[in-house]
Structure formats: C-alpha cells, structure tokens
Amino acid sequence: MRIFLITCVLLLQVICFHPGVSTAESKIDNEKEQNAVLERWKAPKEITEKFPYYVSGFDIEGRPVFIMEIGKWPIRYTVEKGGEDLKNLDMHMEQFFHRVVVGPRAFFNDSEIGAPDTAAILDWEGFSLIQLVHAPTLQYILRHFAGFQRIQDSFAYGYYVNVNAEPRKVPGSRNCTGQLARISFRPGMGALLPINSNPWLLMDNYHKF
C-alpha cells in the first residue's frame, strides 16, 4: 500500500510538472520563430522611406546608436488607411525592437563587443500634434511606445531632440510631445537635448536598414 501511494504521488508530480516544462519550451520555440521571422523580413521601400530609423554610428564603448526620426512618421495617415500598410508598420516597429535587443551583436564578433547594450536618439522634428487628437492614432502610438519599456534593459541611455518645437499648435498641448517622448525610456534613462542640437557630430559609420 505504501509503495502504491508513493507511486501515485510521483505520478502526480510528473503530471503537474510536465505541462509547465512543455509551456516553457513552447514559449522559447515561439520566441525563436518570431525572431527568425523578424530577421528575414524586409520592409517595403515605402515603409522605410516614410518611417525612417537607422544606426548613425557607435559610442566610445561600441554601442550602436539608433536614430529614429519619429517626427517625420505619418502615423495618423497610416492608421486611418489601415490594411497592409498598417500591418507592415507593425512589423517595422517589432523589427526595430528586435534590432535594439540584438544591438552590437549585429555588427561585431563576440570578442570585439565592448558594451552589450544599445543607445538611441528619438528626433521629434516635424512632429504634428494633430496626430495626438485622433484617438486611434494616440492609442497606436502609446501601444507601440510601450514596447520601449518592454526592452528597456537593452538600452544603456537615450536622448530626445527637437521636442516641443511648436507646442501651441493644438490648444492644451503644451509639453505633450515631451510627455509622450518619456514613455520611450525608463525614468532617469532618457535626456532632452536642446532644440536643433546636433548629436550626430561624434558619430560615423552610418548604417541604414
């Protein structure tokens, strides 16, 4: 009887444990698949032209410095249009996040890597606050910018430039882009640079995706 009870307990442990292992393995496999898809995917030319980001160079510790020209992005137009363009923009954003996580490994061998993380500059020049009075667009922006927090451990630091160049275009919108910009990085990690400052002077090795 005692042997029977011990056997039952062991069987229950196996039954309870197995799904958890299976789920964890499934999650890892699924993540690998998603990463493989993102590495293979090539954004249509229209997307890369309308929604530019690139690596402008590397800091002194070898971190790639991503520049996202968010101010030029016609997000509202694409959200209103929907369809394939919006799906491509979703993939474009996810691919950006993936590239940030990969960071210096995309450019250097393991023995050449200095710092393991990434830096970023978000350029808000040209951003129209009209985009923020369209609820679906605002929801879209907030949803995707939350992705920065999801990968925040991959960022060493970040800067915002040209924030609030014309804050009074929409009533009550003063400092709105500044608040939106800060969603991108965890508190204390991002910094604002003066309007029209030029953080590109110390960078080279321009790399556009």
C-alpha atoms as a PDB file:
ATOM      1  CA  MET A   1       0.000   0.000   0.000  1.00  0.00           C
ATOM      2  CA  ARG A   2       2.812   2.375   0.913  1.00  0.00           C
ATOM      3  CA  ILE A   3       4.569   1.681  -2.406  1.00  0.00           C
ATOM      4  CA  PHE A   4       1.285   2.326  -4.213  1.00  0.00           C
ATOM      5  CA  LEU A   5       0.851   5.712  -2.500  1.00  0.00           C
ATOM      6  CA  ILE A   6       4.438   6.743  -3.256  1.00  0.00           C
ATOM      7  CA  THR A   7       3.936   5.756  -6.891  1.00  0.00           C
ATOM      8  CA  CYS A   8       0.727   7.825  -7.079  1.00  0.00           C
ATOM      9  CA  VAL A   9       2.475  10.870  -5.598  1.00  0.00           C
ATOM     10  CA  LEU A  10       5.333  10.579  -8.090  1.00  0.00           C
ATOM     11  CA  LEU A  11       2.892  10.230 -10.982  1.00  0.00           C
ATOM     12  CA  LEU A  12       1.007  13.332  -9.853  1.00  0.00           C
ATOM     13  CA  GLN A  13       4.272  15.283  -9.679  1.00  0.00           C
ATOM     14  CA  VAL A  14       5.154  14.220 -13.209  1.00  0.00           C
ATOM     15  CA  ILE A  15       1.674  15.109 -14.495  1.00  0.00           C
ATOM     16  CA  CYS A  16       1.754  18.516 -12.807  1.00  0.00           C
ATOM     17  CA  PHE A  17       5.318  19.298 -13.833  1.00  0.00           C
ATOM     18  CA  HIS A  18       5.190  18.219 -17.451  1.00  0.00           C
ATOM     19  CA  PRO A  19       2.789  20.902 -18.786  1.00  0.00           C
ATOM     20  CA  GLY A  20       4.923  23.636 -17.250  1.00  0.00           C
ATOM     21  CA  VAL A  21       8.053  22.366 -18.969  1.00  0.00           C
ATOM     22  CA  SER A  22       6.153  21.973 -22.210  1.00  0.00           C
ATOM     23  CA  THR A  23       4.768  25.509 -21.962  1.00  0.00           C
ATOM     24  CA  ALA A  24       8.218  26.980 -21.240  1.00  0.00           C
ATOM     25  CA  GLU A  25       9.760  25.083 -24.146  1.00  0.00           C
ATOM     26  CA  SER A  26       6.892  26.183 -26.389  1.00  0.00           C
ATOM     27  CA  LYS A  27       7.436  29.801 -25.388  1.00  0.00           C
ATOM     28  CA  ILE A  28      11.158  29.594 -26.180  1.00  0.00           C
ATOM     29  CA  ASP A  29      10.488  27.916 -29.531  1.00  0.00           C
ATOM     30  CA  ASN A  30       7.842  30.515 -30.356  1.00  0.00           C
ATOM     31  CA  GLU A  31      10.213  33.369 -29.476  1.00  0.00           C
ATOM     32  CA  LYS A  32      12.939  31.864 -31.662  1.00  0.00           C
ATOM     33  CA  GLU A  33      10.465  31.577 -34.532  1.00  0.00           C
ATOM     34  CA  GLN A  34       9.363  35.188 -34.134  1.00  0.00           C
ATOM     35  CA  ASN A  35      12.981  36.379 -34.054  1.00  0.00           C
ATOM     36  CA  ALA A  36      13.770  34.370 -37.190  1.00  0.00           C
ATOM     37  CA  VAL A  37      10.778  35.938 -38.960  1.00  0.00           C
ATOM     38  CA  LEU A  38      11.869  39.443 -37.924  1.00  0.00           C
ATOM     39  CA  GLU A  39      15.434  38.824 -39.119  1.00  0.00           C
ATOM     40  CA  ARG A  40      14.214  37.624 -42.521  1.00  0.00           C
ATOM     41  CA  TRP A  41      11.510  40.232 -43.032  1.00  0.00           C
ATOM     42  CA  LYS A  42      12.332  43.110 -45.363  1.00  0.00           C
ATOM     43  CA  ALA A  43      10.254  46.255 -45.027  1.00  0.00           C
ATOM     44  CA  PRO A  44       8.744  47.630 -48.239  1.00  0.00           C
ATOM     45  CA  LYS A  45      10.559  50.669 -49.596  1.00  0.00           C
ATOM     46  CA  GLU A  46       7.544  52.877 -48.882  1.00  0.00           C
ATOM     47  CA  ILE A  47       7.707  51.951 -45.188  1.00  0.00           C
ATOM     48  CA  THR A  48      11.456  52.596 -44.808  1.00  0.00           C
ATOM     49  CA  GLU A  49      11.104  55.958 -46.565  1.00  0.00           C
ATOM     50  CA  LYS A  50       8.087  57.132 -44.572  1.00  0.00           C
ATOM     51  CA  PHE A  51       9.180  55.694 -41.215  1.00  0.00           C
ATOM     52  CA  PRO A  52      12.986  56.085 -41.120  1.00  0.00           C
ATOM     53  CA  TYR A  53      15.341  54.811 -38.463  1.00  0.00           C
ATOM     54  CA  TYR A  54      18.993  53.851 -38.774  1.00  0.00           C
ATOM     55  CA  VAL A  55      22.255  53.310 -36.937  1.00  0.00           C
ATOM     56  CA  SER A  56      24.260  56.512 -37.226  1.00  0.00           C
ATOM     57  CA  GLY A  57      27.403  55.179 -35.588  1.00  0.00           C
ATOM     58  CA  PHE A  58      28.772  53.844 -32.312  1.00  0.00           C
ATOM     59  CA  ASP A  59      29.578  55.441 -28.982  1.00  0.00           C
ATOM     60  CA  ILE A  60      33.010  55.154 -27.352  1.00  0.00           C
ATOM     61  CA  GLU A  61      32.106  51.773 -25.844  1.00  0.00           C
ATOM     62  CA  GLY A  62      30.969  50.351 -29.164  1.00  0.00           C
ATOM     63  CA  ARG A  63      27.218  50.617 -28.641  1.00  0.00           C
ATOM     64  CA  PRO A  64      25.228  51.113 -31.845  1.00  0.00           C
ATOM     65  CA  VAL A  65      23.375  54.441 -31.729  1.00  0.00           C
ATOM     66  CA  PHE A  66      19.924  54.103 -33.270  1.00  0.00           C
ATOM     67  CA  ILE A  67      18.274  57.242 -34.575  1.00  0.00           C
ATOM     68  CA  MET A  68      14.518  57.165 -35.034  1.00  0.00           C
ATOM     69  CA  GLU A  69      13.159  60.168 -36.942  1.00  0.00           C
ATOM     70  CA  ILE A  70       9.782  59.846 -35.237  1.00  0.00           C
ATOM     71  CA  GLY A  71       8.789  63.413 -36.071  1.00  0.00           C
ATOM     72  CA  LYS A  72       8.607  62.541 -39.772  1.00  0.00           C
ATOM     73  CA  TRP A  73       6.448  59.461 -39.309  1.00  0.00           C
ATOM     74  CA  PRO A  74       2.926  59.863 -40.834  1.00  0.00           C
ATOM     75  CA  ILE A  75       1.405  57.582 -38.224  1.00  0.00           C
ATOM     76  CA  ARG A  76      -2.118  59.033 -38.312  1.00  0.00           C
ATOM     77  CA  TYR A  77      -2.327  58.717 -42.086  1.00  0.00           C
ATOM     78  CA  THR A  78      -1.278  55.065 -41.900  1.00  0.00           C
ATOM     79  CA  VAL A  79      -3.634  54.259 -39.009  1.00  0.00           C
ATOM     80  CA  GLU A  80      -6.559  55.826 -40.883  1.00  0.00           C
ATOM     81  CA  LYS A  81      -5.617  53.989 -44.056  1.00  0.00           C
ATOM     82  CA  GLY A  82      -5.228  50.637 -42.270  1.00  0.00           C
ATOM     83  CA  GLY A  83      -4.801  47.470 -44.314  1.00  0.00           C
ATOM     84  CA  GLU A  84      -1.431  46.143 -45.444  1.00  0.00           C
ATOM     85  CA  ASP A  85       0.434  49.387 -44.756  1.00  0.00           C
ATOM     86  CA  LEU A  86      -0.567  49.293 -41.091  1.00  0.00           C
ATOM     87  CA  LYS A  87       0.456  45.633 -40.800  1.00  0.00           C
ATOM     88  CA  ASN A  88       3.823  46.498 -42.348  1.00  0.00           C
ATOM     89  CA  LEU A  89       4.266  49.361 -39.878  1.00  0.00           C
ATOM     90  CA  ASP A  90       3.583  46.928 -37.017  1.00  0.00           C
ATOM     91  CA  MET A  91       6.311  44.635 -38.341  1.00  0.00           C
ATOM     92  CA  HIS A  92       8.631  47.601 -38.897  1.00  0.00           C
ATOM     93  CA  MET A  93       8.292  48.545 -35.221  1.00  0.00           C
ATOM     94  CA  GLU A  94       8.748  44.981 -33.982  1.00  0.00           C
ATOM     95  CA  GLN A  95      11.833  44.617 -36.174  1.00  0.00           C
ATOM     96  CA  PHE A  96      13.242  47.820 -34.687  1.00  0.00           C
ATOM     97  CA  PHE A  97      12.768  46.471 -31.156  1.00  0.00           C
ATOM     98  CA  HIS A  98      14.400  43.194 -32.171  1.00  0.00           C
ATOM     99  CA  ARG A  99      17.399  45.028 -33.639  1.00  0.00           C
ATOM    100  CA  VAL A 100      17.791  47.061 -30.465  1.00  0.00           C
ATOM    101  CA  VAL A 101      17.880  43.853 -28.407  1.00  0.00           C
ATOM    102  CA  VAL A 102      20.459  42.291 -30.753  1.00  0.00           C
ATOM    103  CA  GLY A 103      22.430  45.544 -30.514  1.00  0.00           C
ATOM    104  CA  PRO A 104      26.206  45.284 -31.069  1.00  0.00           C
ATOM    105  CA  ARG A 105      25.990  41.562 -31.884  1.00  0.00           C
ATOM    106  CA  ALA A 106      24.726  42.561 -35.332  1.00  0.00           C
ATOM    107  CA  PHE A 107      27.966  44.435 -36.035  1.00  0.00           C
ATOM    108  CA  PHE A 108      30.759  42.764 -34.050  1.00  0.00           C
ATOM    109  CA  ASN A 109      32.063  39.331 -33.156  1.00  0.00           C
ATOM    110  CA  ASP A 110      31.719  38.307 -29.504  1.00  0.00           C
ATOM    111  CA  SER A 111      35.397  39.061 -28.854  1.00  0.00           C
ATOM    112  CA  GLU A 112      35.011  42.595 -30.273  1.00  0.00           C
ATOM    113  CA  ILE A 113      31.939  43.622 -28.276  1.00  0.00           C
ATOM    114  CA  GLY A 114      32.520  46.275 -25.636  1.00  0.00           C
ATOM    115  CA  ALA A 115      29.219  47.210 -24.005  1.00  0.00           C
ATOM    116  CA  PRO A 116      26.410  44.700 -24.637  1.00  0.00           C
ATOM    117  CA  ASP A 117      23.573  47.203 -24.919  1.00  0.00           C
ATOM    118  CA  THR A 118      22.317  49.967 -27.211  1.00  0.00           C
ATOM    119  CA  ALA A 119      21.802  53.745 -27.310  1.00  0.00           C
ATOM    120  CA  ALA A 120      19.009  55.627 -29.036  1.00  0.00           C
ATOM    121  CA  ILE A 121      18.099  59.123 -30.176  1.00  0.00           C
ATOM    122  CA  LEU A 122      14.471  59.997 -30.913  1.00  0.00           C
ATOM    123  CA  ASP A 123      14.219  63.019 -33.212  1.00  0.00           C
ATOM    124  CA  TRP A 124      10.814  64.724 -32.922  1.00  0.00           C
ATOM    125  CA  GLU A 125      11.456  67.438 -35.522  1.00  0.00           C
ATOM    126  CA  GLY A 126       8.388  67.896 -37.711  1.00  0.00           C
ATOM    127  CA  PHE A 127       6.032  66.038 -35.377  1.00  0.00           C
ATOM    128  CA  SER A 128       2.464  67.297 -35.742  1.00  0.00           C
ATOM    129  CA  LEU A 129       0.414  67.402 -32.576  1.00  0.00           C
ATOM    130  CA  ILE A 130      -2.655  66.910 -34.769  1.00  0.00           C
ATOM    131  CA  GLN A 131      -1.770  63.210 -34.625  1.00  0.00           C
ATOM    132  CA  LEU A 132      -2.492  63.179 -30.895  1.00  0.00           C
ATOM    133  CA  VAL A 133      -6.089  64.434 -31.199  1.00  0.00           C
ATOM    134  CA  HIS A 134      -7.027  61.338 -33.224  1.00  0.00           C
ATOM    135  CA  ALA A 135      -7.891  58.671 -30.628  1.00  0.00           C
ATOM    136  CA  PRO A 136      -6.968  55.573 -32.711  1.00  0.00           C
ATOM    137  CA  THR A 137      -3.592  57.124 -33.585  1.00  0.00           C
ATOM    138  CA  LEU A 138      -2.879  58.066 -29.976  1.00  0.00           C
ATOM    139  CA  GLN A 139      -3.754  54.529 -28.864  1.00  0.00           C
ATOM    140  CA  TYR A 140      -1.490  53.120 -31.578  1.00  0.00           C
ATOM    141  CA  ILE A 141       1.424  55.332 -30.539  1.00  0.00           C
ATOM    142  CA  LEU A 142       1.027  54.534 -26.848  1.00  0.00           C
ATOM    143  CA  ARG A 143       0.746  50.808 -27.529  1.00  0.00           C
ATOM    144  CA  HIS A 144       3.913  50.666 -29.608  1.00  0.00           C
ATOM    145  CA  PHE A 145       5.903  53.080 -27.484  1.00  0.00           C
ATOM    146  CA  ALA A 146       5.227  50.803 -24.538  1.00  0.00           C
ATOM    147  CA  GLY A 147       7.470  48.404 -26.468  1.00  0.00           C
ATOM    148  CA  PHE A 148      10.419  50.591 -25.456  1.00  0.00           C
ATOM    149  CA  GLN A 149       9.707  49.717 -21.838  1.00  0.00           C
ATOM    150  CA  ARG A 150       9.479  46.039 -22.749  1.00  0.00           C
ATOM    151  CA  ILE A 151      13.085  46.119 -23.977  1.00  0.00           C
ATOM    152  CA  GLN A 152      14.367  48.815 -21.610  1.00  0.00           C
ATOM    153  CA  ASP A 153      17.157  46.592 -20.295  1.00  0.00           C
ATOM    154  CA  SER A 154      18.665  46.642 -23.802  1.00  0.00           C
ATOM    155  CA  PHE A 155      19.096  50.439 -23.659  1.00  0.00           C
ATOM    156  CA  ALA A 156      22.082  51.999 -21.923  1.00  0.00           C
ATOM    157  CA  TYR A 157      20.704  55.513 -22.449  1.00  0.00           C
ATOM    158  CA  GLY A 158      18.585  57.567 -24.796  1.00  0.00           C
ATOM    159  CA  TYR A 159      18.112  61.153 -25.938  1.00  0.00           C
ATOM    160  CA  TYR A 160      15.181  63.135 -27.328  1.00  0.00           C
ATOM    161  CA  VAL A 161      15.851  66.033 -29.709  1.00  0.00           C
ATOM    162  CA  ASN A 162      13.602  68.740 -31.143  1.00  0.00           C
ATOM    163  CA  VAL A 163      10.854  68.104 -28.594  1.00  0.00           C
ATOM    164  CA  ASN A 164       8.087  70.722 -28.359  1.00  0.00           C
ATOM    165  CA  ALA A 165       9.350  72.842 -31.234  1.00  0.00           C
ATOM    166  CA  GLU A 166       5.789  74.171 -31.757  1.00  0.00           C
ATOM    167  CA  PRO A 167       3.816  73.197 -28.656  1.00  0.00           C
ATOM    168  CA  ARG A 168       0.939  75.645 -29.119  1.00  0.00           C
ATOM    169  CA  LYS A 169      -0.417  74.324 -32.418  1.00  0.00           C
ATOM    170  CA  VAL A 170      -3.099  72.397 -30.540  1.00  0.00           C
ATOM    171  CA  PRO A 171      -4.807  74.062 -27.536  1.00  0.00           C
ATOM    172  CA  GLY A 172      -3.776  72.475 -24.242  1.00  0.00           C
ATOM    173  CA  SER A 173      -0.983  70.501 -25.882  1.00  0.00           C
ATOM    174  CA  ARG A 174       1.995  72.282 -24.327  1.00  0.00           C
ATOM    175  CA  ASN A 175       4.701  69.817 -23.343  1.00  0.00           C
ATOM    176  CA  CYS A 176       2.647  66.962 -24.833  1.00  0.00           C
ATOM    177  CA  THR A 177       5.404  65.569 -27.032  1.00  0.00           C
ATOM    178  CA  GLY A 178       7.800  65.773 -24.110  1.00  0.00           C
ATOM    179  CA  GLN A 179       5.492  63.611 -22.032  1.00  0.00           C
ATOM    180  CA  LEU A 180       4.996  61.200 -24.917  1.00  0.00           C
ATOM    181  CA  ALA A 181       8.741  61.017 -25.508  1.00  0.00           C
ATOM    182  CA  ARG A 182       9.345  59.983 -21.925  1.00  0.00           C
ATOM    183  CA  ILE A 183       7.199  56.891 -22.408  1.00  0.00           C
ATOM    184  CA  SER A 184      10.045  55.562 -24.515  1.00  0.00           C
ATOM    185  CA  PHE A 185      12.612  55.066 -21.774  1.00  0.00           C
ATOM    186  CA  ARG A 186      12.535  54.152 -18.115  1.00  0.00           C
ATOM    187  CA  PRO A 187      12.702  57.120 -15.698  1.00  0.00           C
ATOM    188  CA  GLY A 188      16.156  58.611 -15.415  1.00  0.00           C
ATOM    189  CA  MET A 189      17.475  56.979 -18.577  1.00  0.00           C
ATOM    190  CA  GLY A 190      16.308  59.430 -21.223  1.00  0.00           C
ATOM    191  CA  ALA A 191      17.508  63.010 -21.545  1.00  0.00           C
ATOM    192  CA  LEU A 192      16.330  66.022 -23.504  1.00  0.00           C
ATOM    193  CA  LEU A 193      18.754  67.837 -25.771  1.00  0.00           C
ATOM    194  CA  PRO A 194      18.150  71.467 -26.819  1.00  0.00           C
ATOM    195  CA  ILE A 195      16.028  72.080 -29.896  1.00  0.00           C
ATOM    196  CA  ASN A 196      18.072  71.946 -33.101  1.00  0.00           C
ATOM    197  CA  SER A 197      21.067  70.485 -31.273  1.00  0.00           C
ATOM    198  CA  ASN A 198      23.265  68.197 -33.328  1.00  0.00           C
ATOM    199  CA  PRO A 199      24.136  64.933 -31.558  1.00  0.00           C
ATOM    200  CA  TRP A 200      25.409  63.415 -34.806  1.00  0.00           C
ATOM    201  CA  LEU A 201      28.746  65.236 -34.794  1.00  0.00           C
ATOM    202  CA  LEU A 202      30.601  62.474 -32.935  1.00  0.00           C
ATOM    203  CA  MET A 203      29.156  59.630 -34.995  1.00  0.00           C
ATOM    204  CA  ASP A 204      30.121  57.902 -38.189  1.00  0.00           C
ATOM    205  CA  ASN A 205      29.612  54.543 -39.924  1.00  0.00           C
ATOM    206  CA  TYR A 206      26.058  55.429 -40.950  1.00  0.00           C
ATOM    207  CA  HIS A 207      24.017  52.244 -41.365  1.00  0.00           C
ATOM    208  CA  LYS A 208      20.513  52.402 -42.832  1.00  0.00           C
ATOM    209  CA  PHE A 209      18.401  49.267 -42.781  1.00  0.00           C
END
